[in-house]
């Protein structure tokens, strides 16, 4: 049960992170993020930069979320075993 909850939190954090990266990209460049087949007018440079930034942010969010979720699961297990 707790592992499923942790997975859901990680998924939600990843989606939120993607939305944040998209919003920051749009605000910084004035253009939408280069995603999908309709983004053929974007340069290879902007597409690569977006991919690198997006991947780094998503990985960072996933690692931090997994660590904090595991800490919470361990705390819950410790308090449960003390009861």
PDB file of N, CA and C in Angstrom:
ATOM      1  N   UNK A   1       0.828  -1.197   0.000  1.00  0.00           N
ATOM      2  CA  UNK A   1       0.000   0.000   0.000  1.00  0.00           C
ATOM      3  C   UNK A   1       0.871   1.259   0.000  1.00  0.00           C
ATOM      4  N   UNK A   2       1.882   1.272   0.873  1.00  0.00           N
ATOM      5  CA  UNK A   2       2.741   2.448   0.956  1.00  0.00           C
ATOM      6  C   UNK A   2       3.581   2.624  -0.305  1.00  0.00           C
ATOM      7  N   UNK A   3       3.979   1.533  -0.921  1.00  0.00           N
ATOM      8  CA  UNK A   3       4.769   1.619  -2.154  1.00  0.00           C
ATOM      9  C   UNK A   3       3.913   2.216  -3.284  1.00  0.00           C
ATOM     10  N   UNK A   4       2.651   1.837  -3.332  1.00  0.00           N
ATOM     11  CA  UNK A   4       1.750   2.401  -4.343  1.00  0.00           C
ATOM     12  C   UNK A   4       1.576   3.896  -4.102  1.00  0.00           C
ATOM     13  N   UNK A   5       1.409   4.269  -2.842  1.00  0.00           N
ATOM     14  CA  UNK A   5       1.276   5.674  -2.483  1.00  0.00           C
ATOM     15  C   UNK A   5       2.531   6.448  -2.887  1.00  0.00           C
ATOM     16  N   UNK A   6       3.692   5.868  -2.637  1.00  0.00           N
ATOM     17  CA  UNK A   6       4.953   6.498  -3.028  1.00  0.00           C
ATOM     18  C   UNK A   6       5.058   6.667  -4.528  1.00  0.00           C
ATOM     19  N   UNK A   7       4.615   5.665  -5.272  1.00  0.00           N
ATOM     20  CA  UNK A   7       4.643   5.750  -6.730  1.00  0.00           C
ATOM     21  C   UNK A   7       3.708   6.843  -7.244  1.00  0.00           C
ATOM     22  N   UNK A   8       2.551   6.962  -6.632  1.00  0.00           N
ATOM     23  CA  UNK A   8       1.603   8.001  -7.029  1.00  0.00           C
ATOM     24  C   UNK A   8       2.155   9.396  -6.741  1.00  0.00           C
ATOM     25  N   UNK A   9       2.813   9.546  -5.603  1.00  0.00           N
ATOM     26  CA  UNK A   9       3.426  10.834  -5.267  1.00  0.00           C
ATOM     27  C   UNK A   9       4.511  11.172  -6.270  1.00  0.00           C
ATOM     28  N   UNK A  10       5.329  10.191  -6.617  1.00  0.00           N
ATOM     29  CA  UNK A  10       6.403  10.401  -7.590  1.00  0.00           C
ATOM     30  C   UNK A  10       5.830  10.794  -8.949  1.00  0.00           C
ATOM     31  N   UNK A  11       4.774  10.138  -9.362  1.00  0.00           N
ATOM     32  CA  UNK A  11       4.128  10.449 -10.639  1.00  0.00           C
ATOM     33  C   UNK A  11       3.561  11.864 -10.633  1.00  0.00           C
ATOM     34  N   UNK A  12       2.883  12.227  -9.558  1.00  0.00           N
ATOM     35  CA  UNK A  12       2.305  13.571  -9.453  1.00  0.00           C
ATOM     36  C   UNK A  12       3.402  14.632  -9.448  1.00  0.00           C
ATOM     37  N   UNK A  13       4.499  14.366  -8.750  1.00  0.00           N
ATOM     38  CA  UNK A  13       5.608  15.323  -8.718  1.00  0.00           C
ATOM     39  C   UNK A  13       6.230  15.470 -10.103  1.00  0.00           C
ATOM     40  N   UNK A  14       6.340  14.379 -10.837  1.00  0.00           N
ATOM     41  CA  UNK A  14       6.876  14.439 -12.196  1.00  0.00           C
ATOM     42  C   UNK A  14       6.005  15.250 -13.127  1.00  0.00           C
ATOM     43  N   UNK A  15       4.709  15.084 -13.011  1.00  0.00           N
ATOM     44  CA  UNK A  15       3.774  15.851 -13.843  1.00  0.00           C
ATOM     45  C   UNK A  15       3.853  17.334 -13.484  1.00  0.00           C
ATOM     46  N   UNK A  16       3.895  17.621 -12.180  1.00  0.00           N
ATOM     47  CA  UNK A  16       4.000  19.015 -11.744  1.00  0.00           C
ATOM     48  C   UNK A  16       5.311  19.627 -12.228  1.00  0.00           C
ATOM     49  N   UNK A  17       6.396  18.864 -12.155  1.00  0.00           N
ATOM     50  CA  UNK A  17       7.686  19.351 -12.624  1.00  0.00           C
ATOM     51  C   UNK A  17       7.679  19.661 -14.103  1.00  0.00           C
ATOM     52  N   UNK A  18       7.033  18.810 -14.879  1.00  0.00           N
ATOM     53  CA  UNK A  18       6.941  19.035 -16.326  1.00  0.00           C
ATOM     54  C   UNK A  18       6.158  20.310 -16.621  1.00  0.00           C
ATOM     55  N   UNK A  19       5.083  20.521 -15.895  1.00  0.00           N
ATOM     56  CA  UNK A  19       4.282  21.736 -16.091  1.00  0.00           C
ATOM     57  C   UNK A  19       5.095  22.977 -15.735  1.00  0.00           C
ATOM     58  N   UNK A  20       5.885  22.886 -14.663  1.00  0.00           N
ATOM     59  CA  UNK A  20       6.707  24.016 -14.234  1.00  0.00           C
ATOM     60  C   UNK A  20       7.776  24.322 -15.281  1.00  0.00           C
ATOM     61  N   UNK A  21       8.448  23.283 -15.774  1.00  0.00           N
ATOM     62  CA  UNK A  21       9.477  23.482 -16.804  1.00  0.00           C
ATOM     63  C   UNK A  21       8.856  24.092 -18.056  1.00  0.00           C
ATOM     64  N   UNK A  22       7.698  23.619 -18.462  1.00  0.00           N
ATOM     65  CA  UNK A  22       7.017  24.171 -19.640  1.00  0.00           C
ATOM     66  C   UNK A  22       6.693  25.654 -19.442  1.00  0.00           C
ATOM     67  N   UNK A  23       6.191  25.998 -18.263  1.00  0.00           N
ATOM     68  CA  UNK A  23       5.823  27.389 -17.987  1.00  0.00           C
ATOM     69  C   UNK A  23       7.061  28.285 -17.959  1.00  0.00           C
ATOM     70  N   UNK A  24       8.125  27.823 -17.337  1.00  0.00           N
ATOM     71  CA  UNK A  24       9.355  28.613 -17.282  1.00  0.00           C
ATOM     72  C   UNK A  24       9.942  28.776 -18.679  1.00  0.00           C
ATOM     73  N   UNK A  25       9.908  27.710 -19.474  1.00  0.00           N
ATOM     74  CA  UNK A  25      10.431  27.782 -20.844  1.00  0.00           C
ATOM     75  C   UNK A  25       9.654  28.813 -21.653  1.00  0.00           C
ATOM     76  N   UNK A  26       8.345  28.770 -21.533  1.00  0.00           N
ATOM     77  CA  UNK A  26       7.512  29.694 -22.301  1.00  0.00           C
ATOM     78  C   UNK A  26       7.752  31.134 -21.867  1.00  0.00           C
ATOM     79  N   UNK A  27       7.900  31.338 -20.567  1.00  0.00           N
ATOM     80  CA  UNK A  27       8.141  32.694 -20.071  1.00  0.00           C
ATOM     81  C   UNK A  27       9.522  33.200 -20.491  1.00  0.00           C
ATOM     82  N   UNK A  28      10.526  32.322 -20.476  1.00  0.00           N
ATOM     83  CA  UNK A  28      11.899  32.721 -20.802  1.00  0.00           C
ATOM     84  C   UNK A  28      12.103  32.950 -22.297  1.00  0.00           C
ATOM     85  N   UNK A  29      11.468  32.115 -23.123  1.00  0.00           N
ATOM     86  CA  UNK A  29      11.720  32.201 -24.566  1.00  0.00           C
ATOM     87  C   UNK A  29      10.606  32.903 -25.327  1.00  0.00           C
ATOM     88  N   UNK A  30       9.435  32.966 -24.752  1.00  0.00           N
ATOM     89  CA  UNK A  30       8.295  33.548 -25.454  1.00  0.00           C
ATOM     90  C   UNK A  30       7.609  32.565 -26.387  1.00  0.00           C
ATOM     91  N   UNK A  31       8.161  31.370 -26.515  1.00  0.00           N
ATOM     92  CA  UNK A  31       7.584  30.314 -27.350  1.00  0.00           C
ATOM     93  C   UNK A  31       7.192  29.133 -26.475  1.00  0.00           C
ATOM     94  N   UNK A  32       6.288  28.318 -26.994  1.00  0.00           N
ATOM     95  CA  UNK A  32       5.922  27.105 -26.288  1.00  0.00           C
ATOM     96  C   UNK A  32       7.074  26.107 -26.305  1.00  0.00           C
ATOM     97  N   UNK A  33       7.039  25.138 -25.411  1.00  0.00           N
ATOM     98  CA  UNK A  33       8.101  24.128 -25.385  1.00  0.00           C
ATOM     99  C   UNK A  33       8.113  23.307 -26.674  1.00  0.00           C
ATOM    100  N   UNK A  34       9.302  22.961 -27.157  1.00  0.00           N
ATOM    101  CA  UNK A  34       9.390  22.195 -28.408  1.00  0.00           C
ATOM    102  C   UNK A  34       9.063  20.717 -28.184  1.00  0.00           C
ATOM    103  N   UNK A  35       7.791  20.416 -28.249  1.00  0.00           N
ATOM    104  CA  UNK A  35       7.323  19.039 -28.042  1.00  0.00           C
ATOM    105  C   UNK A  35       6.487  18.613 -29.236  1.00  0.00           C
ATOM    106  N   UNK A  36       6.478  17.337 -29.502  1.00  0.00           N
ATOM    107  CA  UNK A  36       5.594  16.783 -30.517  1.00  0.00           C
ATOM    108  C   UNK A  36       5.979  17.127 -31.943  1.00  0.00           C
ATOM    109  N   UNK A  37       5.157  16.696 -32.872  1.00  0.00           N
ATOM    110  CA  UNK A  37       5.441  16.880 -34.299  1.00  0.00           C
ATOM    111  C   UNK A  37       5.076  18.265 -34.803  1.00  0.00           C
ATOM    112  N   UNK A  38       4.313  19.018 -34.020  1.00  0.00           N
ATOM    113  CA  UNK A  38       3.928  20.350 -34.461  1.00  0.00           C
ATOM    114  C   UNK A  38       4.996  21.394 -34.154  1.00  0.00           C
ATOM    115  N   UNK A  39       6.117  20.970 -33.583  1.00  0.00           N
ATOM    116  CA  UNK A  39       7.185  21.894 -33.199  1.00  0.00           C
ATOM    117  C   UNK A  39       8.345  21.866 -34.188  1.00  0.00           C
ATOM    118  N   UNK A  40       8.052  21.667 -35.460  1.00  0.00           N
ATOM    119  CA  UNK A  40       9.104  21.566 -36.463  1.00  0.00           C
ATOM    120  C   UNK A  40       9.791  22.892 -36.742  1.00  0.00           C
ATOM    121  N   UNK A  41       9.173  24.013 -36.367  1.00  0.00           N
ATOM    122  CA  UNK A  41       9.795  25.309 -36.604  1.00  0.00           C
ATOM    123  C   UNK A  41      10.883  25.627 -35.579  1.00  0.00           C
ATOM    124  N   UNK A  42      10.979  24.868 -34.497  1.00  0.00           N
ATOM    125  CA  UNK A  42      12.010  25.098 -33.488  1.00  0.00           C
ATOM    126  C   UNK A  42      13.367  24.625 -33.990  1.00  0.00           C
ATOM    127  N   UNK A  43      14.393  25.312 -33.550  1.00  0.00           N
ATOM    128  CA  UNK A  43      15.743  24.930 -33.952  1.00  0.00           C
ATOM    129  C   UNK A  43      16.177  23.694 -33.185  1.00  0.00           C
ATOM    130  N   UNK A  44      17.144  23.015 -33.736  1.00  0.00           N
ATOM    131  CA  UNK A  44      17.695  21.838 -33.055  1.00  0.00           C
ATOM    132  C   UNK A  44      18.309  22.256 -31.730  1.00  0.00           C
ATOM    133  N   UNK A  45      18.928  23.414 -31.703  1.00  0.00           N
ATOM    134  CA  UNK A  45      19.565  23.909 -30.480  1.00  0.00           C
ATOM    135  C   UNK A  45      18.535  24.083 -29.362  1.00  0.00           C
ATOM    136  N   UNK A  46      17.433  24.747 -29.647  1.00  0.00           N
ATOM    137  CA  UNK A  46      16.422  24.968 -28.608  1.00  0.00           C
ATOM    138  C   UNK A  46      15.783  23.652 -28.177  1.00  0.00           C
ATOM    139  N   UNK A  47      15.620  22.747 -29.112  1.00  0.00           N
ATOM    140  CA  UNK A  47      15.047  21.446 -28.772  1.00  0.00           C
ATOM    141  C   UNK A  47      15.979  20.654 -27.858  1.00  0.00           C
ATOM    142  N   UNK A  48      17.275  20.676 -28.167  1.00  0.00           N
ATOM    143  CA  UNK A  48      18.250  19.978 -27.321  1.00  0.00           C
ATOM    144  C   UNK A  48      18.336  20.596 -25.932  1.00  0.00           C
ATOM    145  N   UNK A  49      18.362  21.914 -25.872  1.00  0.00           N
ATOM    146  CA  UNK A  49      18.425  22.590 -24.577  1.00  0.00           C
ATOM    147  C   UNK A  49      17.185  22.261 -23.751  1.00  0.00           C
ATOM    148  N   UNK A  50      16.022  22.319 -24.381  1.00  0.00           N
ATOM    149  CA  UNK A  50      14.794  21.996 -23.655  1.00  0.00           C
ATOM    150  C   UNK A  50      14.824  20.551 -23.152  1.00  0.00           C
ATOM    151  N   UNK A  51      15.274  19.636 -23.994  1.00  0.00           N
ATOM    152  CA  UNK A  51      15.348  18.233 -23.592  1.00  0.00           C
ATOM    153  C   UNK A  51      16.293  18.014 -22.414  1.00  0.00           C
ATOM    154  N   UNK A  52      17.443  18.665 -22.443  1.00  0.00           N
ATOM    155  CA  UNK A  52      18.406  18.523 -21.355  1.00  0.00           C
ATOM    156  C   UNK A  52      17.869  19.110 -20.052  1.00  0.00           C
ATOM    157  N   UNK A  53      17.310  20.307 -20.134  1.00  0.00           N
ATOM    158  CA  UNK A  53      16.772  20.953 -18.930  1.00  0.00           C
ATOM    159  C   UNK A  53      15.596  20.157 -18.378  1.00  0.00           C
ATOM    160  N   UNK A  54      14.702  19.768 -19.256  1.00  0.00           N
ATOM    161  CA  UNK A  54      13.522  19.021 -18.844  1.00  0.00           C
ATOM    162  C   UNK A  54      13.915  17.681 -18.207  1.00  0.00           C
ATOM    163  N   UNK A  55      14.840  16.970 -18.830  1.00  0.00           N
ATOM    164  CA  UNK A  55      15.285  15.691 -18.287  1.00  0.00           C
ATOM    165  C   UNK A  55      15.974  15.836 -16.945  1.00  0.00           C
ATOM    166  N   UNK A  56      16.802  16.863 -16.810  1.00  0.00           N
ATOM    167  CA  UNK A  56      17.505  17.090 -15.544  1.00  0.00           C
ATOM    168  C   UNK A  56      16.526  17.422 -14.427  1.00  0.00           C
ATOM    169  N   UNK A  57      15.564  18.277 -14.712  1.00  0.00           N
ATOM    170  CA  UNK A  57      14.582  18.650 -13.688  1.00  0.00           C
ATOM    171  C   UNK A  57      13.725  17.455 -13.298  1.00  0.00           C
ATOM    172  N   UNK A  58      13.286  16.695 -14.273  1.00  0.00           N
ATOM    173  CA  UNK A  58      12.458  15.517 -13.969  1.00  0.00           C
ATOM    174  C   UNK A  58      13.233  14.490 -13.152  1.00  0.00           C
ATOM    175  N   UNK A  59      14.496  14.273 -13.493  1.00  0.00           N
ATOM    176  CA  UNK A  59      15.315  13.324 -12.735  1.00  0.00           C
ATOM    177  C   UNK A  59      15.523  13.815 -11.312  1.00  0.00           C
ATOM    178  N   UNK A  60      15.822  15.087 -11.155  1.00  0.00           N
ATOM    179  CA  UNK A  60      16.014  15.658  -9.828  1.00  0.00           C
ATOM    180  C   UNK A  60      14.751  15.522  -8.983  1.00  0.00           C
ATOM    181  N   UNK A  61      13.617  15.851  -9.567  1.00  0.00           N
ATOM    182  CA  UNK A  61      12.353  15.734  -8.837  1.00  0.00           C
ATOM    183  C   UNK A  61      12.086  14.285  -8.457  1.00  0.00           C
ATOM    184  N   UNK A  62      12.341  13.364  -9.361  1.00  0.00           N
ATOM    185  CA  UNK A  62      12.097  11.954  -9.078  1.00  0.00           C
ATOM    186  C   UNK A  62      12.987  11.452  -7.949  1.00  0.00           C
ATOM    187  N   UNK A  63      14.257  11.805  -7.984  1.00  0.00           N
ATOM    188  CA  UNK A  63      15.183  11.353  -6.936  1.00  0.00           C
ATOM    189  C   UNK A  63      14.787  11.934  -5.586  1.00  0.00           C
ATOM    190  N   UNK A  64      14.526  13.237  -5.550  1.00  0.00           N
ATOM    191  CA  UNK A  64      14.152  13.869  -4.281  1.00  0.00           C
ATOM    192  C   UNK A  64      12.833  13.321  -3.745  1.00  0.00           C
ATOM    193  N   UNK A  65      11.874  13.115  -4.620  1.00  0.00           N
ATOM    194  CA  UNK A  65      10.586  12.570  -4.196  1.00  0.00           C
ATOM    195  C   UNK A  65      10.742  11.152  -3.666  1.00  0.00           C
ATOM    196  N   UNK A  66      11.523  10.333  -4.362  1.00  0.00           N
ATOM    197  CA  UNK A  66      11.729   8.957  -3.902  1.00  0.00           C
ATOM    198  C   UNK A  66      12.427   8.921  -2.552  1.00  0.00           C
ATOM    199  N   UNK A  67      13.421   9.780  -2.351  1.00  0.00           N
ATOM    200  CA  UNK A  67      14.126   9.823  -1.062  1.00  0.00           C
ATOM    201  C   UNK A  67      13.189  10.214   0.068  1.00  0.00           C
ATOM    202  N   UNK A  68      12.440  11.289  -0.148  1.00  0.00           N
ATOM    203  CA  UNK A  68      11.537  11.754   0.904  1.00  0.00           C
ATOM    204  C   UNK A  68      10.413  10.763   1.170  1.00  0.00           C
ATOM    205  N   UNK A  69       9.914  10.121   0.137  1.00  0.00           N
ATOM    206  CA  UNK A  69       8.871   9.114   0.317  1.00  0.00           C
ATOM    207  C   UNK A  69       9.414   7.929   1.099  1.00  0.00           C
ATOM    208  N   UNK A  70      10.639   7.499   0.789  1.00  0.00           N
ATOM    209  CA  UNK A  70      11.241   6.385   1.516  1.00  0.00           C
ATOM    210  C   UNK A  70      11.469   6.747   2.987  1.00  0.00           C
ATOM    211  N   UNK A  71      11.890   7.980   3.255  1.00  0.00           N
ATOM    212  CA  UNK A  71      12.055   8.422   4.640  1.00  0.00           C
ATOM    213  C   UNK A  71      10.715   8.378   5.377  1.00  0.00           C
ATOM    214  N   UNK A  72       9.660   8.844   4.717  1.00  0.00           N
ATOM    215  CA  UNK A  72       8.329   8.843   5.340  1.00  0.00           C
ATOM    216  C   UNK A  72       7.858   7.416   5.605  1.00  0.00           C
ATOM    217  N   UNK A  73       8.105   6.515   4.668  1.00  0.00           N
ATOM    218  CA  UNK A  73       7.717   5.110   4.854  1.00  0.00           C
ATOM    219  C   UNK A  73       8.470   4.511   6.024  1.00  0.00           C
ATOM    220  N   UNK A  74       9.758   4.798   6.130  1.00  0.00           N
ATOM    221  CA  UNK A  74      10.560   4.281   7.241  1.00  0.00           C
ATOM    222  C   UNK A  74      10.084   4.837   8.579  1.00  0.00           C
ATOM    223  N   UNK A  75       9.773   6.140   8.631  1.00  0.00           N
ATOM    224  CA  UNK A  75       9.247   6.730   9.873  1.00  0.00           C
ATOM    225  C   UNK A  75       7.923   6.091  10.244  1.00  0.00           C
ATOM    226  N   UNK A  76       7.066   5.890   9.265  1.00  0.00           N
ATOM    227  CA  UNK A  76       5.771   5.269   9.525  1.00  0.00           C
ATOM    228  C   UNK A  76       5.936   3.850  10.046  1.00  0.00           C
ATOM    229  N   UNK A  77       6.863   3.102   9.446  1.00  0.00           N
ATOM    230  CA  UNK A  77       7.107   1.725   9.879  1.00  0.00           C
ATOM    231  C   UNK A  77       7.656   1.683  11.298  1.00  0.00           C
ATOM    232  N   UNK A  78       8.553   2.631  11.645  1.00  0.00           N
ATOM    233  CA  UNK A  78       9.112   2.676  13.000  1.00  0.00           C
ATOM    234  C   UNK A  78       8.042   2.997  14.028  1.00  0.00           C
ATOM    235  N   UNK A  79       7.195   3.990  13.737  1.00  0.00           N
ATOM    236  CA  UNK A  79       6.150   4.358  14.702  1.00  0.00           C
ATOM    237  C   UNK A  79       5.105   3.260  14.810  1.00  0.00           C
ATOM    238  N   UNK A  80       4.871   2.569  13.742  1.00  0.00           N
ATOM    239  CA  UNK A  80       3.896   1.482  13.769  1.00  0.00           C
ATOM    240  C   UNK A  80       4.410   0.298  14.586  1.00  0.00           C
ATOM    241  N   UNK A  81       5.721   0.017  14.493  1.00  0.00           N
ATOM    242  CA  UNK A  81       6.286  -1.112  15.240  1.00  0.00           C
ATOM    243  C   UNK A  81       6.395  -0.797  16.721  1.00  0.00           C
ATOM    244  N   UNK A  82       6.405   0.476  17.099  1.00  0.00           N
ATOM    245  CA  UNK A  82       6.502   0.854  18.511  1.00  0.00           C
ATOM    246  C   UNK A  82       5.160   0.763  19.212  1.00  0.00           C
ATOM    247  N   UNK A  83       4.090   0.688  18.455  1.00  0.00           N
ATOM    248  CA  UNK A  83       2.729   0.654  19.050  1.00  0.00           C
ATOM    249  C   UNK A  83       2.410  -0.694  19.550  1.00  0.00           C
TER     250      UNK A  83
END
